[in-house]
Amino acid sequence: ALQRNGIIHGWGEKVFVAQSRIGIGGTWNGTRKNLQKGWNPVFCFDDGMPWSEEMERLGAVRISREALKDFSCLETRNISFL
């Protein structure tokens, strides 16, 4: 599963993380590595939990429930990434 996460992050155009736990598991580790390596933009659901704040600190863009209604918030044209 951990090798699969690298493929998902490396080959994807962008990554959306719906939920994670800080410092634990494949989602966290794969996303952290993506942000460190700059493979592609990372977006995460802003559910008010500490994990999303930490993802943002690492470089992810937090997306609110309201903004997800049409997914246009996942456009990367206006986001400076690396």
PDB file of N, CA and C in Angstrom:
ATOM      1  N   ALA A   1       0.828  -1.200   0.000  1.00  0.00           N
ATOM      2  CA  ALA A   1       0.000   0.000   0.000  1.00  0.00           C
ATOM      3  C   ALA A   1       0.869   1.259   0.000  1.00  0.00           C
ATOM      4  N   LEU A   2       1.984   1.234   0.737  1.00  0.00           N
ATOM      5  CA  LEU A   2       2.819   2.435   0.789  1.00  0.00           C
ATOM      6  C   LEU A   2       3.448   2.739  -0.562  1.00  0.00           C
ATOM      7  N   GLN A   3       3.843   1.717  -1.305  1.00  0.00           N
ATOM      8  CA  GLN A   3       4.377   1.939  -2.648  1.00  0.00           C
ATOM      9  C   GLN A   3       3.287   2.477  -3.566  1.00  0.00           C
ATOM     10  N   ARG A   4       2.076   1.979  -3.392  1.00  0.00           N
ATOM     11  CA  ARG A   4       0.949   2.452  -4.203  1.00  0.00           C
ATOM     12  C   ARG A   4       0.724   3.940  -3.983  1.00  0.00           C
ATOM     13  N   ASN A   5       0.857   4.420  -2.749  1.00  0.00           N
ATOM     14  CA  ASN A   5       0.645   5.832  -2.477  1.00  0.00           C
ATOM     15  C   ASN A   5       1.615   6.709  -3.260  1.00  0.00           C
ATOM     16  N   GLY A   6       2.853   6.277  -3.405  1.00  0.00           N
ATOM     17  CA  GLY A   6       3.808   7.033  -4.211  1.00  0.00           C
ATOM     18  C   GLY A   6       3.388   7.128  -5.662  1.00  0.00           C
ATOM     19  N   ILE A   7       2.839   6.056  -6.188  1.00  0.00           N
ATOM     20  CA  ILE A   7       2.357   6.055  -7.574  1.00  0.00           C
ATOM     21  C   ILE A   7       1.162   6.983  -7.712  1.00  0.00           C
ATOM     22  N   ILE A   8       0.231   6.912  -6.774  1.00  0.00           N
ATOM     23  CA  ILE A   8      -0.944   7.782  -6.819  1.00  0.00           C
ATOM     24  C   ILE A   8      -0.519   9.243  -6.821  1.00  0.00           C
ATOM     25  N   HIS A   9       0.382   9.600  -5.941  1.00  0.00           N
ATOM     26  CA  HIS A   9       0.826  10.999  -5.852  1.00  0.00           C
ATOM     27  C   HIS A   9       1.685  11.393  -7.043  1.00  0.00           C
ATOM     28  N   GLY A  10       2.562  10.526  -7.470  1.00  0.00           N
ATOM     29  CA  GLY A  10       3.483  10.863  -8.554  1.00  0.00           C
ATOM     30  C   GLY A  10       2.828  10.976  -9.915  1.00  0.00           C
ATOM     31  N   TRP A  11       1.829  10.154 -10.160  1.00  0.00           N
ATOM     32  CA  TRP A  11       1.204  10.154 -11.488  1.00  0.00           C
ATOM     33  C   TRP A  11      -0.027  11.041 -11.588  1.00  0.00           C
ATOM     34  N   GLY A  12      -0.528  11.473 -10.448  1.00  0.00           N
ATOM     35  CA  GLY A  12      -1.738  12.284 -10.464  1.00  0.00           C
ATOM     36  C   GLY A  12      -1.462  13.704 -10.916  1.00  0.00           C
ATOM     37  N   GLU A  13      -2.482  14.335 -11.433  1.00  0.00           N
ATOM     38  CA  GLU A  13      -2.384  15.743 -11.813  1.00  0.00           C
ATOM     39  C   GLU A  13      -2.444  16.632 -10.574  1.00  0.00           C
ATOM     40  N   LYS A  14      -3.275  16.206  -9.624  1.00  0.00           N
ATOM     41  CA  LYS A  14      -3.406  16.881  -8.337  1.00  0.00           C
ATOM     42  C   LYS A  14      -3.971  15.867  -7.358  1.00  0.00           C
ATOM     43  N   VAL A  15      -3.814  16.128  -6.081  1.00  0.00           N
ATOM     44  CA  VAL A  15      -4.264  15.204  -5.049  1.00  0.00           C
ATOM     45  C   VAL A  15      -5.228  15.936  -4.122  1.00  0.00           C
ATOM     46  N   PHE A  16      -6.332  15.267  -3.796  1.00  0.00           N
ATOM     47  CA  PHE A  16      -7.278  15.789  -2.812  1.00  0.00           C
ATOM     48  C   PHE A  16      -7.328  14.817  -1.648  1.00  0.00           C
ATOM     49  N   VAL A  17      -7.006  15.298  -0.467  1.00  0.00           N
ATOM     50  CA  VAL A  17      -7.031  14.470   0.740  1.00  0.00           C
ATOM     51  C   VAL A  17      -8.311  14.800   1.500  1.00  0.00           C
ATOM     52  N   ALA A  18      -9.163  13.797   1.656  1.00  0.00           N
ATOM     53  CA  ALA A  18     -10.435  14.011   2.338  1.00  0.00           C
ATOM     54  C   ALA A  18     -10.296  13.913   3.845  1.00  0.00           C
ATOM     55  N   GLN A  19      -9.379  13.064   4.314  1.00  0.00           N
ATOM     56  CA  GLN A  19      -9.234  12.866   5.748  1.00  0.00           C
ATOM     57  C   GLN A  19      -7.902  12.184   6.025  1.00  0.00           C
ATOM     58  N   SER A  20      -7.301  12.489   7.155  1.00  0.00           N
ATOM     59  CA  SER A  20      -6.048  11.852   7.532  1.00  0.00           C
ATOM     60  C   SER A  20      -5.859  11.996   9.038  1.00  0.00           C
ATOM     61  N   ARG A  21      -4.797  11.395   9.510  1.00  0.00           N
ATOM     62  CA  ARG A  21      -4.381  11.576  10.899  1.00  0.00           C
ATOM     63  C   ARG A  21      -2.948  12.094  10.858  1.00  0.00           C
ATOM     64  N   ILE A  22      -2.618  12.982  11.750  1.00  0.00           N
ATOM     65  CA  ILE A  22      -1.290  13.591  11.756  1.00  0.00           C
ATOM     66  C   ILE A  22      -0.236  12.541  12.082  1.00  0.00           C
ATOM     67  N   GLY A  23       0.714  12.411  11.167  1.00  0.00           N
ATOM     68  CA  GLY A  23       1.870  11.558  11.395  1.00  0.00           C
ATOM     69  C   GLY A  23       1.635  10.064  11.315  1.00  0.00           C
ATOM     70  N   ILE A  24       0.446   9.636  10.947  1.00  0.00           N
ATOM     71  CA  ILE A  24       0.123   8.206  10.961  1.00  0.00           C
ATOM     72  C   ILE A  24      -0.488   7.777   9.636  1.00  0.00           C
ATOM     73  N   GLY A  25       0.000   6.670   9.095  1.00  0.00           N
ATOM     74  CA  GLY A  25      -0.658   6.025   7.957  1.00  0.00           C
ATOM     75  C   GLY A  25      -0.165   6.457   6.592  1.00  0.00           C
ATOM     76  N   GLY A  26      -0.630   5.710   5.606  1.00  0.00           N
ATOM     77  CA  GLY A  26      -0.210   5.919   4.232  1.00  0.00           C
ATOM     78  C   GLY A  26      -0.668   7.234   3.635  1.00  0.00           C
ATOM     79  N   THR A  27      -1.878   7.656   3.986  1.00  0.00           N
ATOM     80  CA  THR A  27      -2.369   8.935   3.450  1.00  0.00           C
ATOM     81  C   THR A  27      -1.475  10.069   3.915  1.00  0.00           C
ATOM     82  N   TRP A  28      -1.194  10.094   5.206  1.00  0.00           N
ATOM     83  CA  TRP A  28      -0.345  11.155   5.746  1.00  0.00           C
ATOM     84  C   TRP A  28       1.059  11.100   5.151  1.00  0.00           C
ATOM     85  N   ASN A  29       1.659   9.923   5.178  1.00  0.00           N
ATOM     86  CA  ASN A  29       3.041   9.789   4.708  1.00  0.00           C
ATOM     87  C   ASN A  29       3.170  10.056   3.223  1.00  0.00           C
ATOM     88  N   GLY A  30       2.233   9.560   2.424  1.00  0.00           N
ATOM     89  CA  GLY A  30       2.280   9.807   0.986  1.00  0.00           C
ATOM     90  C   GLY A  30       2.103  11.279   0.650  1.00  0.00           C
ATOM     91  N   THR A  31       1.174  11.917   1.351  1.00  0.00           N
ATOM     92  CA  THR A  31       0.928  13.339   1.098  1.00  0.00           C
ATOM     93  C   THR A  31       2.105  14.194   1.543  1.00  0.00           C
ATOM     94  N   ARG A  32       2.662  13.881   2.688  1.00  0.00           N
ATOM     95  CA  ARG A  32       3.831  14.623   3.177  1.00  0.00           C
ATOM     96  C   ARG A  32       5.006  14.502   2.198  1.00  0.00           C
ATOM     97  N   LYS A  33       5.227  13.304   1.695  1.00  0.00           N
ATOM     98  CA  LYS A  33       6.318  13.102   0.742  1.00  0.00           C
ATOM     99  C   LYS A  33       6.044  13.876  -0.551  1.00  0.00           C
ATOM    100  N   ASN A  34       4.814  13.856  -1.011  1.00  0.00           N
ATOM    101  CA  ASN A  34       4.440  14.619  -2.198  1.00  0.00           C
ATOM    102  C   ASN A  34       4.772  16.093  -1.988  1.00  0.00           C
ATOM    103  N   LEU A  35       4.373  16.642  -0.867  1.00  0.00           N
ATOM    104  CA  LEU A  35       4.629  18.054  -0.603  1.00  0.00           C
ATOM    105  C   LEU A  35       6.120  18.355  -0.500  1.00  0.00           C
ATOM    106  N   GLN A  36       6.881  17.442   0.064  1.00  0.00           N
ATOM    107  CA  GLN A  36       8.335  17.632   0.168  1.00  0.00           C
ATOM    108  C   GLN A  36       9.000  17.579  -1.197  1.00  0.00           C
ATOM    109  N   LYS A  37       8.551  16.655  -2.054  1.00  0.00           N
ATOM    110  CA  LYS A  37       9.166  16.454  -3.368  1.00  0.00           C
ATOM    111  C   LYS A  37       8.587  17.376  -4.442  1.00  0.00           C
ATOM    112  N   GLY A  38       7.405  17.936  -4.194  1.00  0.00           N
ATOM    113  CA  GLY A  38       6.775  18.825  -5.170  1.00  0.00           C
ATOM    114  C   GLY A  38       6.236  18.107  -6.390  1.00  0.00           C
ATOM    115  N   TRP A  39       5.729  16.897  -6.201  1.00  0.00           N
ATOM    116  CA  TRP A  39       5.238  16.124  -7.347  1.00  0.00           C
ATOM    117  C   TRP A  39       4.029  16.771  -8.016  1.00  0.00           C
ATOM    118  N   ASN A  40       3.062  17.198  -7.234  1.00  0.00           N
ATOM    119  CA  ASN A  40       1.879  17.861  -7.774  1.00  0.00           C
ATOM    120  C   ASN A  40       1.141  18.579  -6.656  1.00  0.00           C
ATOM    121  N   PRO A  41       0.199  19.468  -6.987  1.00  0.00           N
ATOM    122  CA  PRO A  41      -0.520  20.220  -5.955  1.00  0.00           C
ATOM    123  C   PRO A  41      -1.356  19.297  -5.064  1.00  0.00           C
ATOM    124  N   VAL A  42      -1.436  19.654  -3.807  1.00  0.00           N
ATOM    125  CA  VAL A  42      -2.232  18.895  -2.841  1.00  0.00           C
ATOM    126  C   VAL A  42      -3.301  19.815  -2.266  1.00  0.00           C
ATOM    127  N   PHE A  43      -4.521  19.333  -2.284  1.00  0.00           N
ATOM    128  CA  PHE A  43      -5.653  20.012  -1.682  1.00  0.00           C
ATOM    129  C   PHE A  43      -6.169  19.123  -0.564  1.00  0.00           C
ATOM    130  N   CYS A  44      -6.664  19.724   0.506  1.00  0.00           N
ATOM    131  CA  CYS A  44      -7.223  18.912   1.581  1.00  0.00           C
ATOM    132  C   CYS A  44      -8.518  19.540   2.075  1.00  0.00           C
ATOM    133  N   PHE A  45      -9.413  18.678   2.515  1.00  0.00           N
ATOM    134  CA  PHE A  45     -10.704  19.103   3.016  1.00  0.00           C
ATOM    135  C   PHE A  45     -10.532  19.787   4.367  1.00  0.00           C
ATOM    136  N   ASP A  46     -11.020  20.997   4.461  1.00  0.00           N
ATOM    137  CA  ASP A  46     -10.934  21.764   5.701  1.00  0.00           C
ATOM    138  C   ASP A  46     -12.132  21.420   6.575  1.00  0.00           C
ATOM    139  N   ASP A  47     -11.957  20.400   7.399  1.00  0.00           N
ATOM    140  CA  ASP A  47     -13.041  19.967   8.283  1.00  0.00           C
ATOM    141  C   ASP A  47     -12.880  20.529   9.695  1.00  0.00           C
ATOM    142  N   GLY A  48     -11.959  21.479   9.866  1.00  0.00           N
ATOM    143  CA  GLY A  48     -11.738  22.090  11.160  1.00  0.00           C
ATOM    144  C   GLY A  48     -10.882  21.261  12.106  1.00  0.00           C
ATOM    145  N   MET A  49     -10.354  20.150  11.605  1.00  0.00           N
ATOM    146  CA  MET A  49      -9.542  19.273  12.439  1.00  0.00           C
ATOM    147  C   MET A  49      -8.060  19.654  12.310  1.00  0.00           C
ATOM    148  N   PRO A  50      -7.272  19.328  13.313  1.00  0.00           N
ATOM    149  CA  PRO A  50      -5.847  19.691  13.295  1.00  0.00           C
ATOM    150  C   PRO A  50      -5.079  19.134  12.099  1.00  0.00           C
ATOM    151  N   TRP A  51      -5.459  17.978  11.578  1.00  0.00           N
ATOM    152  CA  TRP A  51      -4.713  17.405  10.456  1.00  0.00           C
ATOM    153  C   TRP A  51      -4.724  18.339   9.247  1.00  0.00           C
ATOM    154  N   SER A  52      -5.880  18.998   8.966  1.00  0.00           N
ATOM    155  CA  SER A  52      -5.944  19.872   7.793  1.00  0.00           C
ATOM    156  C   SER A  52      -5.105  21.130   8.003  1.00  0.00           C
ATOM    157  N   GLU A  53      -5.053  21.618   9.223  1.00  0.00           N
ATOM    158  CA  GLU A  53      -4.181  22.756   9.519  1.00  0.00           C
ATOM    159  C   GLU A  53      -2.715  22.380   9.301  1.00  0.00           C
ATOM    160  N   GLU A  54      -2.353  21.179   9.734  1.00  0.00           N
ATOM    161  CA  GLU A  54      -0.973  20.724   9.562  1.00  0.00           C
ATOM    162  C   GLU A  54      -0.649  20.510   8.087  1.00  0.00           C
ATOM    163  N   MET A  55      -1.594  19.964   7.325  1.00  0.00           N
ATOM    164  CA  MET A  55      -1.376  19.801   5.879  1.00  0.00           C
ATOM    165  C   MET A  55      -1.134  21.152   5.226  1.00  0.00           C
ATOM    166  N   GLU A  56      -1.915  22.144   5.618  1.00  0.00           N
ATOM    167  CA  GLU A  56      -1.733  23.483   5.060  1.00  0.00           C
ATOM    168  C   GLU A  56      -0.352  24.024   5.429  1.00  0.00           C
ATOM    169  N   ARG A  57       0.065  23.793   6.661  1.00  0.00           N
ATOM    170  CA  ARG A  57       1.396  24.247   7.085  1.00  0.00           C
ATOM    171  C   ARG A  57       2.486  23.614   6.226  1.00  0.00           C
ATOM    172  N   LEU A  58       2.259  22.375   5.794  1.00  0.00           N
ATOM    173  CA  LEU A  58       3.231  21.670   4.957  1.00  0.00           C
ATOM    174  C   LEU A  58       3.151  22.075   3.482  1.00  0.00           C
ATOM    175  N   GLY A  59       2.090  22.790   3.098  1.00  0.00           N
ATOM    176  CA  GLY A  59       1.995  23.272   1.725  1.00  0.00           C
ATOM    177  C   GLY A  59       0.721  22.935   0.982  1.00  0.00           C
ATOM    178  N   ALA A  60      -0.191  22.216   1.597  1.00  0.00           N
ATOM    179  CA  ALA A  60      -1.460  21.889   0.942  1.00  0.00           C
ATOM    180  C   ALA A  60      -2.384  23.101   0.961  1.00  0.00           C
ATOM    181  N   VAL A  61      -3.358  23.095   0.083  1.00  0.00           N
ATOM    182  CA  VAL A  61      -4.376  24.142   0.032  1.00  0.00           C
ATOM    183  C   VAL A  61      -5.644  23.575   0.656  1.00  0.00           C
ATOM    184  N   ARG A  62      -6.129  24.223   1.710  1.00  0.00           N
ATOM    185  CA  ARG A  62      -7.356  23.740   2.356  1.00  0.00           C
ATOM    186  C   ARG A  62      -8.581  24.213   1.578  1.00  0.00           C
ATOM    187  N   ILE A  63      -9.535  23.297   1.439  1.00  0.00           N
ATOM    188  CA  ILE A  63     -10.746  23.559   0.669  1.00  0.00           C
ATOM    189  C   ILE A  63     -11.960  23.352   1.578  1.00  0.00           C
ATOM    190  N   SER A  64     -12.851  24.328   1.609  1.00  0.00           N
ATOM    191  CA  SER A  64     -14.037  24.238   2.453  1.00  0.00           C
ATOM    192  C   SER A  64     -15.132  23.393   1.788  1.00  0.00           C
ATOM    193  N   ARG A  65     -16.092  22.972   2.585  1.00  0.00           N
ATOM    194  CA  ARG A  65     -17.247  22.220   2.069  1.00  0.00           C
ATOM    195  C   ARG A  65     -17.983  23.039   1.011  1.00  0.00           C
ATOM    196  N   GLU A  66     -18.166  24.320   1.276  1.00  0.00           N
ATOM    197  CA  GLU A  66     -18.869  25.197   0.339  1.00  0.00           C
ATOM    198  C   GLU A  66     -18.134  25.277  -1.004  1.00  0.00           C
ATOM    199  N   ALA A  67     -16.832  25.391  -0.952  1.00  0.00           N
ATOM    200  CA  ALA A  67     -16.044  25.515  -2.182  1.00  0.00           C
ATOM    201  C   ALA A  67     -16.070  24.231  -3.008  1.00  0.00           C
ATOM    202  N   LEU A  68     -16.320  23.108  -2.372  1.00  0.00           N
ATOM    203  CA  LEU A  68     -16.330  21.829  -3.093  1.00  0.00           C
ATOM    204  C   LEU A  68     -17.602  21.578  -3.894  1.00  0.00           C
ATOM    205  N   LYS A  69     -18.559  22.465  -3.813  1.00  0.00           N
ATOM    206  CA  LYS A  69     -19.827  22.249  -4.521  1.00  0.00           C
ATOM    207  C   LYS A  69     -19.650  22.132  -6.027  1.00  0.00           C
ATOM    208  N   ASP A  70     -18.667  22.828  -6.587  1.00  0.00           N
ATOM    209  CA  ASP A  70     -18.465  22.733  -8.039  1.00  0.00           C
ATOM    210  C   ASP A  70     -17.048  22.329  -8.431  1.00  0.00           C
ATOM    211  N   PHE A  71     -16.199  22.071  -7.478  1.00  0.00           N
ATOM    212  CA  PHE A  71     -14.825  21.614  -7.691  1.00  0.00           C
ATOM    213  C   PHE A  71     -13.942  22.605  -8.444  1.00  0.00           C
ATOM    214  N   SER A  72     -14.442  23.795  -8.759  1.00  0.00           N
ATOM    215  CA  SER A  72     -13.587  24.771  -9.448  1.00  0.00           C
ATOM    216  C   SER A  72     -12.440  25.220  -8.550  1.00  0.00           C
ATOM    217  N   CYS A  73     -12.582  25.028  -7.249  1.00  0.00           N
ATOM    218  CA  CYS A  73     -11.520  25.403  -6.318  1.00  0.00           C
ATOM    219  C   CYS A  73     -10.276  24.538  -6.504  1.00  0.00           C
ATOM    220  N   LEU A  74     -10.396  23.439  -7.237  1.00  0.00           N
ATOM    221  CA  LEU A  74      -9.247  22.561  -7.457  1.00  0.00           C
ATOM    222  C   LEU A  74      -8.454  22.954  -8.702  1.00  0.00           C
ATOM    223  N   GLU A  75      -8.856  24.024  -9.345  1.00  0.00           N
ATOM    224  CA  GLU A  75      -8.096  24.506 -10.494  1.00  0.00           C
ATOM    225  C   GLU A  75      -6.766  25.057 -10.002  1.00  0.00           C
ATOM    226  N   THR A  76      -5.709  24.726 -10.695  1.00  0.00           N
ATOM    227  CA  THR A  76      -4.378  25.141 -10.246  1.00  0.00           C
ATOM    228  C   THR A  76      -3.852  26.359 -10.988  1.00  0.00           C
ATOM    229  N   ARG A  77      -4.615  26.931 -11.872  1.00  0.00           N
ATOM    230  CA  ARG A  77      -4.124  28.076 -12.641  1.00  0.00           C
ATOM    231  C   ARG A  77      -3.693  29.233 -11.761  1.00  0.00           C
ATOM    232  N   ASN A  78      -4.430  29.471 -10.685  1.00  0.00           N
ATOM    233  CA  ASN A  78      -4.145  30.625  -9.847  1.00  0.00           C
ATOM    234  C   ASN A  78      -3.356  30.280  -8.600  1.00  0.00           C
ATOM    235  N   ILE A  79      -2.852  29.078  -8.544  1.00  0.00           N
ATOM    236  CA  ILE A  79      -2.096  28.649  -7.376  1.00  0.00           C
ATOM    237  C   ILE A  79      -0.624  28.516  -7.747  1.00  0.00           C
ATOM    238  N   SER A  80       0.194  29.228  -7.011  1.00  0.00           N
ATOM    239  CA  SER A  80       1.623  29.096  -7.231  1.00  0.00           C
ATOM    240  C   SER A  80       2.110  27.847  -6.497  1.00  0.00           C
ATOM    241  N   PHE A  81       2.576  26.883  -7.255  1.00  0.00           N
ATOM    242  CA  PHE A  81       3.040  25.639  -6.648  1.00  0.00           C
ATOM    243  C   PHE A  81       4.505  25.461  -6.957  1.00  0.00           C
ATOM    244  N   LEU A  82       5.294  25.509  -5.913  1.00  0.00           N
ATOM    245  CA  LEU A  82       6.757  25.421  -6.000  1.00  0.00           C
ATOM    246  C   LEU A  82       7.185  26.408  -6.995  1.00  0.00           C
TER     247      LEU A  82
END
